Amino acid sequence: MSQSKAKKENRWRDVDGGSAFVIPYTVLRHPNFTRLSAHGHKLIHDLARQSTGFNNGFLCASFALMKDQGWRSSETLHRTVKEIEHYRLVVRTQQGGKHKPNLHAFTWQRIDEKKDKPLDIGPTLKPGNEWKDEQPLFDLKIVHKRRRKRHLRAA
C-alpha cells in the first residue's frame, strides 16, 4: 500500500466497539482543562461515558448515578461539578429541582435536541465554545463559604 493511501485510510474501524468520545486537542491543551483537579478529569470522563453522540445537554452528574462510577462523597461530586462549570467545560442545560436533575452539556460540542424533552438552554447548531474563555484558578473556598452560609441561614 502506498504511503499516501495509508494516510487517507480511515482509522475509525480500529476503534473497539466502533465508536469513540472525542476531546479536541485544543481543549486538552487549554489552561481551563490543564488546571482541572484529578476529580475534575474523572467527572469529565464519567460524563463522557453517558454520551451517545446525540444527547449532549442531557448528561447527568447526580450522586445516584455517579456512585456506580466510584464516587463516594456527594460533597466531592458537588464541588467537582462546580469546578468543571467554573472552567466552562460544561454548561448547565437544566436547573434541577423537585424530581428533576441538573443536566449538563460539553461546551466543545453542540447541544442536542430531544423531542418532548425541552431544556433551559435550547439546542444549538454549533458548539458554544465557552471553554475558550480562560478562567482564573478555581477557588474551592468560595464553594465552601456559600454552602456554609446556606446552612447557617437554615438553622
Protein backbone atom coordinates (compact mmCIF):
# COMPACT_ATOMS: atom_id res chain seq x y z
CA MET A 1 0.00 0.00 0.00
CA SER A 2 1.38 3.41 -0.91
CA GLN A 3 2.26 5.96 1.76
CA SER A 4 -0.40 8.49 0.62
CA LYS A 5 -3.14 5.85 0.62
CA ALA A 6 -2.17 4.73 4.13
CA LYS A 7 -2.52 8.31 5.40
CA LYS A 8 -6.02 8.61 3.98
CA GLU A 9 -7.14 5.31 5.48
CA ASN A 10 -9.99 5.66 7.94
CA ARG A 11 -8.84 4.58 11.42
CA TRP A 12 -12.33 4.57 12.98
CA ARG A 13 -12.53 0.86 12.12
CA ASP A 14 -9.72 0.30 14.61
CA VAL A 15 -11.83 1.65 17.49
CA ASP A 16 -13.07 -1.19 19.66
CA GLY A 17 -16.85 -1.11 19.72
CA GLY A 18 -16.99 1.14 16.66
CA SER A 19 -17.48 4.44 18.50
CA ALA A 20 -15.38 6.86 20.50
CA PHE A 21 -15.75 10.03 22.55
CA VAL A 22 -13.57 12.85 21.22
CA ILE A 23 -12.00 15.68 23.16
CA PRO A 24 -10.21 18.01 20.71
CA TYR A 25 -6.51 18.69 21.28
CA THR A 26 -7.31 22.39 21.56
CA VAL A 27 -9.44 21.61 24.63
CA LEU A 28 -6.88 19.21 26.10
CA ARG A 29 -4.11 21.81 25.80
CA HIS A 30 -6.15 24.79 27.07
CA PRO A 31 -5.40 26.18 30.57
CA ASN A 32 -9.03 25.63 31.62
CA PHE A 33 -8.54 21.89 31.05
CA THR A 34 -4.99 21.59 32.36
CA ARG A 35 -5.95 23.31 35.64
CA LEU A 36 -8.60 20.69 36.43
CA SER A 37 -8.17 18.62 39.56
CA ALA A 38 -7.99 14.85 39.34
CA HIS A 39 -11.66 14.74 40.35
CA GLY A 40 -12.45 17.17 37.51
CA HIS A 41 -10.78 14.91 34.95
CA LYS A 42 -12.63 11.90 36.33
CA LEU A 43 -16.00 13.65 36.15
CA ILE A 44 -15.39 14.69 32.53
CA HIS A 45 -14.70 11.04 31.70
CA ASP A 46 -17.69 9.79 33.69
CA LEU A 47 -20.00 12.23 31.86
CA ALA A 48 -18.40 11.15 28.56
CA ARG A 49 -19.45 7.58 29.33
CA GLN A 50 -23.07 8.78 29.19
CA SER A 51 -22.58 10.45 25.82
CA THR A 52 -24.05 8.75 22.76
CA GLY A 53 -23.11 11.48 20.31
CA PHE A 54 -26.73 12.64 20.18
CA ASN A 55 -27.51 13.52 23.82
CA ASN A 56 -25.22 16.44 24.67
CA GLY A 57 -27.23 18.58 27.05
CA PHE A 58 -28.77 15.56 28.76
CA LEU A 59 -25.71 14.47 30.76
CA CYS A 60 -26.43 13.94 34.45
CA ALA A 61 -23.94 14.07 37.33
CA SER A 62 -26.34 13.10 40.11
CA PHE A 63 -24.82 11.23 43.02
CA ALA A 64 -27.28 8.37 42.48
CA LEU A 65 -25.75 7.76 39.03
CA MET A 66 -22.17 8.62 39.88
CA LYS A 67 -21.75 6.36 42.90
CA ASP A 68 -21.80 3.44 40.46
CA GLN A 69 -18.79 5.13 38.81
CA GLY A 70 -16.81 5.13 42.07
CA TRP A 71 -17.86 8.46 43.60
CA ARG A 72 -18.09 8.01 47.36
CA SER A 73 -18.96 11.54 48.51
CA SER A 74 -21.82 13.72 47.32
CA GLU A 75 -19.92 16.76 48.62
CA THR A 76 -16.86 15.96 46.49
CA LEU A 77 -19.09 15.41 43.47
CA HIS A 78 -20.88 18.73 44.08
CA ARG A 79 -17.56 20.63 44.33
CA THR A 80 -16.28 18.93 41.19
CA VAL A 81 -19.40 19.84 39.21
CA LYS A 82 -18.87 23.45 40.33
CA GLU A 83 -15.23 23.21 39.19
CA ILE A 84 -15.98 21.99 35.66
CA GLU A 85 -18.76 24.60 35.38
CA HIS A 86 -16.27 27.27 36.56
CA TYR A 87 -13.81 26.32 33.82
CA ARG A 88 -16.74 26.30 31.37
CA LEU A 89 -16.02 22.80 30.15
CA VAL A 90 -19.68 22.05 30.75
CA VAL A 91 -22.75 24.25 30.84
CA ARG A 92 -25.86 23.53 32.88
CA THR A 93 -28.72 22.98 30.46
CA GLN A 94 -31.41 22.22 33.03
CA GLN A 95 -31.63 23.52 36.57
CA GLY A 96 -32.65 20.67 38.80
CA GLY A 97 -35.36 20.76 41.39
CA LYS A 98 -38.05 18.54 42.80
CA HIS A 99 -37.93 15.26 40.86
CA LYS A 100 -35.75 16.88 38.17
CA PRO A 101 -31.93 16.55 37.95
CA ASN A 102 -29.37 19.11 36.85
CA LEU A 103 -28.35 18.33 33.28
CA HIS A 104 -25.15 19.41 31.51
CA ALA A 105 -23.58 19.70 28.07
CA PHE A 106 -19.95 19.70 26.98
CA THR A 107 -19.15 23.14 25.58
CA TRP A 108 -16.96 21.87 22.72
CA GLN A 109 -19.97 20.06 21.24
CA ARG A 110 -23.33 21.39 20.10
CA ILE A 111 -26.33 20.94 22.38
CA ASP A 112 -28.68 18.29 21.06
CA GLU A 113 -32.46 18.28 20.93
CA LYS A 114 -34.82 15.56 22.12
CA LYS A 115 -38.48 15.80 21.24
CA ASP A 116 -40.75 16.34 24.24
CA LYS A 117 -37.71 16.97 26.49
CA PRO A 118 -37.07 20.74 26.47
CA LEU A 119 -34.04 22.17 28.25
CA ASP A 120 -33.49 25.56 29.88
CA ILE A 121 -30.91 26.17 27.13
CA GLY A 122 -32.16 25.29 23.67
CA PRO A 123 -30.37 23.15 21.09
CA THR A 124 -27.54 24.72 19.12
CA LEU A 125 -26.31 24.27 15.56
CA LYS A 126 -22.66 24.63 16.58
CA PRO A 127 -20.66 24.40 19.81
CA GLY A 128 -20.78 27.36 22.20
CA ASN A 129 -17.02 27.01 22.91
CA GLU A 130 -17.31 28.72 26.30
CA TRP A 131 -14.23 26.72 27.37
CA LYS A 132 -12.08 29.06 25.26
CA ASP A 133 -12.54 31.93 27.75
CA GLU A 134 -9.65 31.41 30.14
CA GLN A 135 -10.79 31.40 33.76
CA PRO A 136 -8.84 32.11 36.95
CA LEU A 137 -7.95 29.21 39.21
CA PHE A 138 -10.96 27.56 40.80
CA ASP A 139 -11.28 28.64 44.43
CA LEU A 140 -12.74 25.82 46.45
CA LYS A 141 -13.11 28.10 49.49
CA ILE A 142 -15.81 30.12 47.71
CA VAL A 143 -17.94 26.98 47.25
CA HIS A 144 -17.48 26.10 50.93
CA LYS A 145 -18.41 29.63 52.09
CA ARG A 146 -21.60 29.69 50.02
CA ARG A 147 -22.71 26.29 51.28
CA ARG A 148 -21.85 27.21 54.89
CA LYS A 149 -23.88 30.46 54.70
CA ARG A 150 -26.83 28.50 53.30
CA HIS A 151 -26.61 26.01 56.19
CA LEU A 152 -26.36 28.81 58.76
CA ARG A 153 -29.45 30.56 57.36
CA ALA A 154 -31.40 27.30 57.51
CA ALA A 155 -30.51 26.80 61.19
